[in-house]
Amino acid sequence: DIFLCLVSRLPSLHPLLCCSASHIGDMAPVQLRVSHHWQTALALAVSTAAVRGSRLERRLGTDLALEAAALPDGTPCPKGINGNCHAGSVCGRYSRHSERFQCCADWMVHGGVAWCANPQGAACSDGINENCASGMVCGRYSRHNDRFQCCANFRVHGGVSWCANPEGAACFDGVNENCGSGMVCGLSGQTTTGFQCCSKFE
């Protein structure tokens, strides 16, 4: 015989209710005479599954809505609350102003506070080294004293960190401090800035 068993989770009922058919082909017309208790149990199981499915659907919908509403990297975010940014990003500090934050995917913790950590060559704020990745400074690079960028190679002039570019690299505004030791930032037609660092000049 082929058996079809229903398993009961109710302690008051026998754990198994089995029905049989002599052939597989006879399974279709078999009618199960289910007691009132079994009908109640089955209805309860179906209802519970429906409720759980509805809750999961609502939770997934909420998660998708929150992700869609999340602020992109580089956008100001309020109060350092990471939940305002996309998953994996933080709402980190980036300047000398302790109440200003923005979403960023690359970050480091300084003094218990998350800071956006910008890569080599990226703009940074206020000469604050915490705004750059590990091993770099937020240095000056041009005649504008309010413009800074992250750099691993730097020199200190007059108490200020300057990005010190290597031989042949572009530099800005003819400012020699933007080049490594023994070089000048000379006129050149080979860079987009019109200047480059060189140790041979006239």
Protein backbone atom coordinates (compact mmCIF):
# COMPACT_ATOMS: atom_id res chain seq x y z
CA ASP A 1 0.00 0.00 0.00
CA ILE A 2 0.98 3.64 -0.51
CA PHE A 3 0.64 5.72 2.64
CA LEU A 4 -0.09 9.42 3.05
CA CYS A 5 0.66 10.58 6.58
CA LEU A 6 -0.34 13.80 8.28
CA VAL A 7 1.80 14.74 11.27
CA SER A 8 0.09 16.36 14.22
CA ARG A 9 1.84 18.93 16.40
CA LEU A 10 -1.07 19.07 18.84
CA PRO A 11 -0.39 17.09 22.04
CA SER A 12 -4.06 16.06 22.36
CA LEU A 13 -4.02 14.23 19.01
CA HIS A 14 -2.31 11.09 17.89
CA PRO A 15 1.00 12.11 16.28
CA LEU A 16 0.21 10.42 12.96
CA LEU A 17 -2.94 10.10 10.91
CA CYS A 18 -2.35 7.77 7.95
CA CYS A 19 -4.46 6.92 4.95
CA SER A 20 -3.67 4.23 2.43
CA ALA A 21 -4.32 3.40 -1.19
CA SER A 22 -3.59 0.08 -2.83
CA HIS A 23 -2.17 1.65 -5.99
CA ILE A 24 -0.52 4.97 -6.81
CA GLY A 25 -3.26 5.55 -9.36
CA ASP A 26 -5.81 5.33 -6.56
CA MET A 27 -4.29 8.29 -4.70
CA ALA A 28 -6.30 10.94 -6.51
CA PRO A 29 -9.79 9.71 -5.55
CA VAL A 30 -8.83 8.98 -1.93
CA GLN A 31 -10.85 11.17 0.39
CA LEU A 32 -9.44 11.99 3.80
CA ARG A 33 -11.97 12.15 6.54
CA VAL A 34 -10.32 14.65 8.81
CA SER A 35 -11.68 15.28 12.28
CA HIS A 36 -12.69 18.71 13.47
CA HIS A 37 -9.46 18.92 15.48
CA TRP A 38 -7.39 18.20 12.38
CA GLN A 39 -9.28 20.81 10.37
CA THR A 40 -8.60 23.34 13.11
CA ALA A 41 -4.91 22.40 13.24
CA LEU A 42 -4.49 22.63 9.47
CA ALA A 43 -6.29 25.98 9.33
CA LEU A 44 -4.08 27.30 12.13
CA ALA A 45 -0.92 26.17 10.33
CA VAL A 46 -2.00 27.83 7.09
CA SER A 47 -2.93 31.03 8.94
CA THR A 48 0.41 31.13 10.80
CA ALA A 49 2.38 30.66 7.55
CA ALA A 50 0.40 33.45 5.92
CA VAL A 51 1.10 35.83 8.82
CA ARG A 52 4.83 35.01 8.79
CA GLY A 53 4.95 35.50 5.03
CA SER A 54 3.20 38.85 5.34
CA ARG A 55 5.62 40.00 8.05
CA LEU A 56 8.63 38.95 5.96
CA GLU A 57 7.23 40.77 2.93
CA ARG A 58 6.69 43.94 4.96
CA ARG A 59 10.18 43.73 6.43
CA LEU A 60 11.76 43.26 3.00
CA GLY A 61 9.71 46.14 1.68
CA THR A 62 10.85 48.35 4.54
CA ASP A 63 14.51 47.40 4.01
CA LEU A 64 14.25 48.17 0.28
CA ALA A 65 12.56 51.49 1.00
CA LEU A 66 15.26 52.47 3.51
CA GLU A 67 18.04 51.54 1.07
CA ALA A 68 16.36 53.52 -1.71
CA ALA A 69 16.07 56.55 0.60
CA ALA A 70 19.70 56.29 1.78
CA LEU A 71 21.99 59.19 0.95
CA PRO A 72 24.79 58.60 -1.58
CA ASP A 73 28.46 58.92 -0.65
CA GLY A 74 29.67 62.50 -0.52
CA THR A 75 26.28 63.82 0.58
CA PRO A 76 25.91 65.62 3.94
CA CYS A 77 24.18 63.49 6.56
CA PRO A 78 22.78 64.53 9.95
CA LYS A 79 24.30 63.89 13.37
CA GLY A 80 26.70 61.13 12.35
CA ILE A 81 23.87 58.58 12.07
CA ASN A 82 25.12 55.76 9.81
CA GLY A 83 21.58 54.63 9.05
CA ASN A 84 21.17 57.69 6.83
CA CYS A 85 23.77 56.27 4.39
CA HIS A 86 23.91 53.22 2.12
CA ALA A 87 24.86 49.88 3.67
CA GLY A 88 28.61 49.70 4.26
CA SER A 89 29.03 53.48 4.38
CA VAL A 90 29.20 55.68 7.46
CA CYS A 91 28.11 59.20 8.28
CA GLY A 92 31.57 60.49 9.13
CA ARG A 93 33.32 63.72 9.95
CA TYR A 94 35.47 65.37 7.30
CA SER A 95 36.40 68.87 8.51
CA ARG A 96 37.32 70.95 11.55
CA HIS A 97 33.59 71.53 12.16
CA SER A 98 32.52 68.83 14.62
CA GLU A 99 28.85 69.09 13.64
CA ARG A 100 29.37 68.47 9.92
CA PHE A 101 29.19 64.94 8.48
CA GLN A 102 28.90 63.24 5.12
CA CYS A 103 28.33 59.70 3.86
CA CYS A 104 31.47 57.84 2.80
CA ALA A 105 32.43 54.24 2.01
CA ASP A 106 36.11 54.67 2.97
CA TRP A 107 36.64 55.69 6.57
CA MET A 108 38.82 55.36 9.65
CA VAL A 109 38.20 55.85 13.35
CA HIS A 110 40.12 58.55 15.24
CA GLY A 111 39.42 59.17 18.90
CA GLY A 112 36.28 57.04 18.74
CA VAL A 113 34.87 59.05 15.83
CA ALA A 114 34.47 57.84 12.24
CA TRP A 115 36.21 60.08 9.69
CA CYS A 116 35.86 59.91 5.92
CA ALA A 117 39.29 58.78 4.66
CA ASN A 118 39.97 60.11 1.16
CA PRO A 119 42.52 58.50 -1.20
CA GLN A 120 45.72 59.85 -2.73
CA GLY A 121 45.15 63.00 -4.77
CA ALA A 122 41.59 63.54 -3.55
CA ALA A 123 40.51 66.86 -2.09
CA CYS A 124 40.42 67.08 1.71
CA SER A 125 39.22 69.70 4.16
CA ASP A 126 41.02 72.34 6.20
CA GLY A 127 44.38 70.56 6.28
CA ILE A 128 42.86 67.93 8.60
CA ASN A 129 44.94 64.74 8.23
CA GLU A 130 42.11 62.60 9.63
CA ASN A 131 40.25 63.27 6.37
CA CYS A 132 42.82 61.17 4.47
CA ALA A 133 43.63 57.47 4.35
CA SER A 134 46.32 55.96 6.56
CA GLY A 135 49.85 57.25 6.02
CA MET A 136 48.79 60.43 4.23
CA VAL A 137 48.40 64.09 5.11
CA CYS A 138 45.92 66.70 3.97
CA GLY A 139 48.45 69.06 2.43
CA ARG A 140 48.55 72.29 0.49
CA TYR A 141 49.49 72.14 -3.18
CA SER A 142 48.83 75.59 -4.71
CA ARG A 143 48.95 79.31 -4.03
CA HIS A 144 45.39 79.09 -2.60
CA ASN A 145 45.76 78.61 1.13
CA ASP A 146 42.30 77.09 1.50
CA ARG A 147 42.81 74.19 -0.94
CA PHE A 148 44.17 70.84 0.18
CA GLN A 149 44.57 67.30 -1.13
CA CYS A 150 45.58 63.94 0.33
CA CYS A 151 49.15 62.86 -0.38
CA ALA A 152 51.62 60.30 0.92
CA ASN A 153 54.72 62.32 -0.09
CA PHE A 154 54.96 65.66 1.64
CA ARG A 155 57.30 68.20 3.14
CA VAL A 156 56.74 70.78 5.86
CA HIS A 157 57.30 74.45 5.03
CA GLY A 158 56.63 77.12 7.62
CA GLY A 159 54.79 74.64 9.82
CA VAL A 160 52.43 73.62 6.99
CA SER A 161 52.38 70.27 5.21
CA TRP A 162 52.79 70.53 1.43
CA CYS A 163 52.25 67.69 -1.03
CA ALA A 164 55.69 67.07 -2.54
CA ASN A 165 55.31 65.70 -6.07
CA PRO A 166 58.08 63.68 -7.73
CA GLU A 167 60.23 64.51 -10.78
CA GLY A 168 58.12 64.99 -13.90
CA ALA A 169 54.79 65.15 -12.06
CA ALA A 170 52.39 68.03 -12.53
CA CYS A 171 52.50 70.81 -9.96
CA PHE A 172 50.49 73.98 -9.46
CA ASP A 173 50.97 77.69 -9.97
CA GLY A 174 54.78 77.53 -10.11
CA VAL A 175 54.85 76.93 -6.36
CA ASN A 176 58.09 75.10 -5.57
CA GLU A 177 56.75 73.77 -2.26
CA ASN A 178 54.55 71.46 -4.32
CA CYS A 179 57.63 69.52 -5.44
CA GLY A 180 60.13 67.26 -3.75
CA SER A 181 63.50 68.32 -2.37
CA GLY A 182 65.87 69.99 -4.84
CA MET A 183 63.19 70.59 -7.49
CA VAL A 184 61.19 73.52 -8.74
CA CYS A 185 57.68 73.77 -10.17
CA GLY A 186 58.64 75.01 -13.63
CA LEU A 187 56.70 75.92 -16.74
CA SER A 188 55.95 72.96 -18.96
CA GLY A 189 53.75 72.14 -21.92
CA GLN A 190 53.59 68.49 -20.95
CA THR A 191 51.07 68.68 -18.10
CA THR A 192 47.46 69.82 -17.77
CA THR A 193 48.44 72.40 -15.15
CA GLY A 194 51.13 73.99 -17.33
CA PHE A 195 53.79 73.23 -14.69
CA GLN A 196 55.81 70.22 -13.66
CA CYS A 197 58.37 69.32 -11.03
CA CYS A 198 61.94 69.21 -12.35
CA SER A 199 65.45 69.17 -10.98
CA LYS A 200 66.93 70.62 -14.21
CA PHE A 201 65.77 74.11 -14.97
CA GLU A 202 66.99 77.50 -16.15
